[in-house]
Protein backbone atom coordinates (compact mmCIF):
# COMPACT_ATOMS: atom_id res chain seq x y z
CA MET A 1 10.32 -0.24 124.33
CA ALA A 2 7.86 -0.33 121.44
CA GLY A 3 8.99 -1.29 118.11
CA LYS A 4 9.64 1.23 115.33
CA LEU A 5 8.10 1.15 111.93
CA GLY A 6 10.34 0.58 108.91
CA ARG A 7 13.30 -1.50 108.16
CA ALA A 8 15.74 -2.19 111.10
CA LEU A 9 19.23 -1.01 110.76
CA PRO A 10 22.01 -3.69 110.41
CA MET A 11 23.21 -4.31 114.15
CA ARG A 12 26.70 -3.18 113.28
CA ASP A 13 25.33 0.37 111.89
CA SER A 14 23.14 0.60 115.01
CA ILE A 15 26.11 0.13 117.16
CA GLU A 16 28.04 2.77 115.27
CA GLU A 17 25.11 5.13 115.64
CA ILE A 18 25.39 4.55 119.41
CA PHE A 19 28.99 5.46 119.52
CA ASN A 20 28.44 8.44 117.32
CA GLY A 21 26.08 9.73 119.83
CA LEU A 22 28.30 9.41 122.89
CA ALA A 23 30.94 11.76 123.75
CA ALA A 24 33.65 10.23 125.87
CA PRO A 25 34.34 9.78 128.65
CA PHE A 26 31.46 7.34 129.29
CA SER A 27 31.11 4.49 131.45
CA PHE A 28 30.08 0.71 130.45
CA GLY A 29 29.71 -1.57 133.20
CA GLN A 30 33.02 -1.22 135.44
CA ILE A 31 34.71 0.27 132.71
CA LEU A 32 35.76 3.97 131.83
CA VAL A 33 36.30 4.97 128.10
CA LYS A 34 38.03 8.02 127.59
CA LYS A 35 39.35 9.92 124.64
CA ARG A 36 43.20 9.94 124.37
CA GLU A 37 44.92 13.39 123.55
CA SER A 38 46.55 12.21 120.51
CA ALA A 39 43.96 9.87 118.93
CA GLY A 40 41.88 6.92 119.85
CA PHE A 41 40.56 5.77 122.94
CA ALA A 42 41.79 4.64 126.46
CA LEU A 43 39.84 2.26 128.66
CA LEU A 44 40.43 1.37 132.35
CA HIS A 45 38.65 0.36 135.65
CA ARG A 46 36.38 3.15 136.84
CA ASP A 47 38.16 2.81 140.24
CA ASP A 48 41.62 3.41 138.54
CA ALA A 49 40.44 6.71 137.05
CA SER A 50 42.88 8.83 139.13
CA ARG A 51 45.77 6.27 139.01
CA ASP A 52 48.78 6.59 136.74
CA GLN A 53 50.68 3.45 137.52
CA LEU A 54 48.63 1.09 135.15
CA GLN A 55 49.73 -1.91 133.18
CA THR A 56 49.31 -0.72 129.49
CA TYR A 57 47.80 -2.97 126.56
CA ARG A 58 47.34 -1.98 122.96
CA ASP A 59 45.32 -4.70 121.46
CA ALA A 60 41.46 -5.13 121.55
CA GLU A 61 42.07 -8.83 122.11
CA ASP A 62 43.98 -8.15 125.36
CA ALA A 63 40.42 -7.51 126.66
CA ILE A 64 39.89 -11.16 126.71
CA GLU A 65 42.55 -11.83 129.14
CA ILE A 66 41.76 -8.80 131.30
CA ALA A 67 38.14 -9.91 131.69
CA LYS A 68 39.21 -13.51 132.51
CA TYR A 69 40.15 -13.38 136.10
CA ASP A 70 39.23 -11.24 139.11
CA ASP A 71 42.06 -9.22 141.28
CA ALA A 72 42.57 -12.60 143.38
CA GLY A 73 43.22 -14.57 140.31
CA ASN A 74 39.85 -16.44 140.34
CA TYR A 75 38.09 -17.16 137.09
CA ARG A 76 34.92 -14.98 136.12
CA PRO A 77 32.31 -17.12 134.87
CA LEU A 78 29.89 -14.29 134.64
CA LYS A 79 31.50 -11.33 132.92
CA THR A 80 28.91 -8.80 134.16
CA ALA A 81 29.83 -9.57 137.80
CA PRO A 82 31.12 -6.41 139.64
CA ASN A 83 34.38 -7.97 139.92
CA LEU A 84 36.53 -6.89 136.95
CA ARG A 85 40.24 -6.76 137.98
CA HIS A 86 41.95 -3.49 138.51
CA SER A 87 45.27 -2.01 137.50
CA TRP A 88 45.19 -2.10 133.45
CA ARG A 89 44.83 0.49 130.72
CA LEU A 90 43.81 -0.32 127.30
CA GLU A 91 44.78 2.01 124.44
CA LEU A 92 42.98 1.62 121.03
CA ALA A 93 43.19 3.54 118.04
CA THR A 94 39.77 3.15 116.12
CA VAL A 95 36.17 2.89 117.07
CA GLU A 96 36.20 -0.55 115.60
CA GLU A 97 38.64 -1.83 118.00
CA LEU A 98 36.74 -0.07 120.94
CA ARG A 99 33.71 -2.11 119.78
CA ARG A 100 35.58 -5.27 119.72
CA ALA A 101 37.12 -4.53 123.08
CA LEU A 102 33.81 -3.76 124.90
CA ASP A 103 32.45 -6.85 123.13
CA TYR A 104 35.16 -9.09 124.94
CA PHE A 105 34.64 -7.43 128.18
CA TYR A 106 30.84 -7.74 128.15
CA PRO A 107 29.73 -10.11 125.54
CA SER A 108 26.64 -9.09 123.32
CA ARG A 109 25.84 -6.09 125.80
CA LEU A 110 26.42 -3.55 123.01
CA ALA A 111 24.22 -5.04 120.37
CA LEU A 112 21.44 -5.61 123.08
CA PHE A 113 21.77 -1.83 123.98
CA ALA A 114 21.48 -0.90 120.28
CA ALA A 115 18.57 -3.43 119.85
CA TRP A 116 17.00 -1.66 122.88
CA LYS A 117 17.67 1.97 121.76
CA SER A 118 16.29 1.03 118.33
CA GLY A 119 12.93 -0.39 119.94
CA TYR A 120 13.55 -4.10 118.71
CA LEU A 121 14.87 -5.93 121.94
CA LYS A 122 12.58 -8.55 122.87
CA THR A 123 12.72 -9.87 126.41
CA THR A 124 11.61 -13.44 127.64
CA ALA A 125 10.03 -14.32 131.16
CA LEU A 126 11.87 -16.41 133.49
CA ARG A 127 9.25 -19.13 133.54
CA GLU A 128 9.24 -19.21 129.77
CA THR A 129 13.26 -19.70 129.78
CA LEU A 130 12.90 -22.59 132.47
CA ASP A 131 9.87 -23.96 130.84
CA ARG A 132 12.08 -24.70 127.59
CA GLN A 133 14.90 -26.40 129.58
CA SER A 134 15.88 -29.97 128.84
CA GLY A 135 17.82 -32.91 130.36
CA MET A 136 19.17 -32.20 133.88
CA TYR A 137 17.92 -28.72 133.80
CA ARG A 138 14.30 -29.54 133.19
CA ALA A 139 13.82 -29.70 137.03
CA ALA A 140 14.41 -25.84 137.17
CA ALA A 141 11.00 -25.22 135.99
CA LYS A 142 9.70 -26.64 139.29
CA ILE A 143 11.17 -23.64 141.25
CA SER A 144 8.43 -21.90 143.41
CA ASP A 145 7.58 -18.16 143.03
CA PRO A 146 8.96 -17.71 146.75
CA GLN A 147 12.16 -19.39 145.87
CA ILE A 148 12.53 -17.23 142.69
CA ASN A 149 12.03 -14.13 144.73
CA ASP A 150 15.03 -14.97 147.24
CA LEU A 151 17.12 -16.39 144.60
CA VAL A 152 17.06 -13.57 142.13
CA ALA A 153 17.27 -10.98 144.90
CA ASP A 154 20.60 -12.79 145.90
CA PHE A 155 22.23 -13.93 142.66
CA CYS A 156 21.25 -10.71 140.64
CA ARG A 157 22.08 -8.01 143.07
CA SER A 158 24.35 -5.34 141.51
CA ASP A 159 26.59 -4.81 144.36
CA SER A 160 27.99 -8.49 144.35
CA GLY A 161 26.08 -10.41 141.83
CA CYS A 162 25.66 -8.87 138.52
CA LEU A 163 25.64 -5.39 136.91
CA ARG A 164 23.00 -6.17 134.40
CA THR A 165 19.61 -4.16 134.42
CA ILE A 166 16.86 -6.55 134.60
CA LEU A 167 14.28 -6.22 131.72
CA TRP A 168 12.62 -9.50 131.91
CA LYS A 169 9.50 -10.53 134.06
CA ARG A 170 9.12 -13.56 136.22
CA ASP A 171 6.29 -14.87 133.94
CA ARG A 172 4.02 -13.81 131.22
CA ASN A 173 1.46 -12.03 133.59
CA GLY A 174 4.51 -9.59 134.07
CA VAL A 175 5.29 -10.34 137.76
CA ILE A 176 8.39 -8.46 138.61
CA ALA A 177 11.66 -10.63 138.88
CA SER A 178 11.96 -10.03 142.69
CA THR A 179 10.37 -7.86 144.99
CA LYS A 180 13.45 -7.76 147.20
CA LEU A 181 15.58 -5.89 144.63
CA PRO A 182 15.29 -2.15 144.49
CA LYS A 183 13.24 -0.74 141.69
CA GLU A 184 16.41 1.10 140.22
CA LYS A 185 17.57 -2.71 139.49
CA PHE A 186 14.98 -2.56 136.61
CA ASP A 187 15.59 0.96 135.32
CA PRO A 188 18.15 1.32 132.48
CA ALA A 189 18.58 5.00 133.66
CA TRP A 190 20.41 3.96 136.74
CA ASP A 191 24.24 3.17 136.98
CA GLN A 192 24.45 -0.32 138.41
CA ALA A 193 28.02 -0.32 139.09
CA ALA A 194 27.45 2.52 141.51
CA ALA A 195 25.59 0.14 143.74
CA ARG A 196 26.78 -0.20 147.40
CA PRO A 197 25.85 -3.15 149.61
CA THR A 198 23.41 -2.44 152.43
CA GLN A 199 23.23 -4.25 155.80
CA VAL A 200 25.10 -7.65 156.04
CA GLY A 201 22.63 -10.43 155.59
CA THR A 202 20.10 -8.35 153.48
CA SER A 203 19.59 -9.13 149.66
CA ARG A 204 18.96 -5.52 148.84
CA CYS A 205 21.63 -3.19 147.33
CA ASP A 206 21.59 0.60 147.65
CA VAL A 207 21.70 2.30 144.15
CA ARG A 208 19.97 5.49 145.35
CA THR A 209 23.28 7.51 145.00
CA ALA A 210 23.96 6.15 141.40
CA GLN A 211 24.47 8.59 138.53
CA ARG A 212 21.63 8.80 136.17
CA ALA A 213 22.54 7.02 132.81
CA VAL A 214 22.07 10.37 131.10
CA PRO A 215 23.41 12.84 133.80
CA THR A 216 21.92 16.34 133.95
CA SER A 217 25.56 17.64 134.53
CA HIS A 218 27.78 17.47 131.66
CA SER A 219 30.77 17.05 133.94
CA LEU A 220 29.68 13.58 134.83
CA PRO A 221 30.20 10.71 132.35
CA ALA A 222 27.28 9.16 130.67
CA THR A 223 26.58 5.44 131.35
CA VAL A 224 25.65 2.79 128.83
CA PRO A 225 23.70 0.11 130.80
CA LEU A 226 24.50 -3.55 130.67
CA LEU A 227 20.85 -4.85 129.84
CA CYS A 228 19.41 -8.28 130.52
CA GLN A 229 16.63 -9.56 128.23
CA GLU A 230 16.63 -13.01 129.55
CA ALA A 231 17.83 -15.15 132.51
CA CYS A 232 21.29 -16.38 131.96
CA ASN A 233 22.40 -19.94 132.01
CA LEU A 234 24.07 -19.42 135.44
CA LEU A 235 20.71 -18.43 136.99
CA VAL A 236 18.89 -21.22 135.37
CA ALA A 237 21.50 -23.61 136.96
CA GLU A 238 21.02 -21.80 140.23
CA CYS A 239 17.12 -22.44 140.02
CA ARG A 240 17.93 -26.30 139.41
CA LYS A 241 20.17 -26.08 142.79
CA VAL A 242 17.27 -24.53 144.67
CA VAL A 243 14.91 -27.22 143.44
CA LYS A 244 17.33 -29.99 144.16
CA GLY A 245 18.29 -28.70 147.49
CA GLU A 246 21.95 -28.35 146.56
CA LYS A 247 22.20 -24.77 147.04
CA ASP A 248 24.19 -23.49 150.12
């Protein structure tokens, strides 16, 4: 998105504008945000929207613990992985508490979305990210293009890898990150949390039935995308494993 003329708004103000422009309910990753009948907001896993027997929390900081482990009790190193645990409800009184909680669930994603909406978000190509690595991760830059194509398709797929929408390119020439992912994986207008796996053994995920981020029907909640402007440290580590022949 092209930059806008004039002075940038402070990031907090930009995020507040995002909230002011959203009418609850809306989805953010695997989280559904609803307005409470009395006042404030209620957050819960989207899969639990029709459930009543949920453990209730009332502090924004509770999001830290909710997001830490999956349903099986395994630690979640990647907070945007599609394995957020179920059976909870987080009730918050103010927009500021809502902002903090969502930032605990998905660190930095609100700020990135605000920057993208304002036209100031910059992306970094994967090759550039790999070329600046040092120490034990310097070897990651030796990964080949075919290896990147396969790795990104497997590691970043929405149904089992990561719910972020990829905005970065493979290199400065603008080559797509992976030709084995569906085009919707690179489009912020698509809901990555609605992705469903395809055939076992394939690297593609099917998001053709996903809701648009700005649905034409007001009966459907809007979706705020989780944006990925640069390859994460976990993907860099996987690139190194591929080069070193350590990946399973």
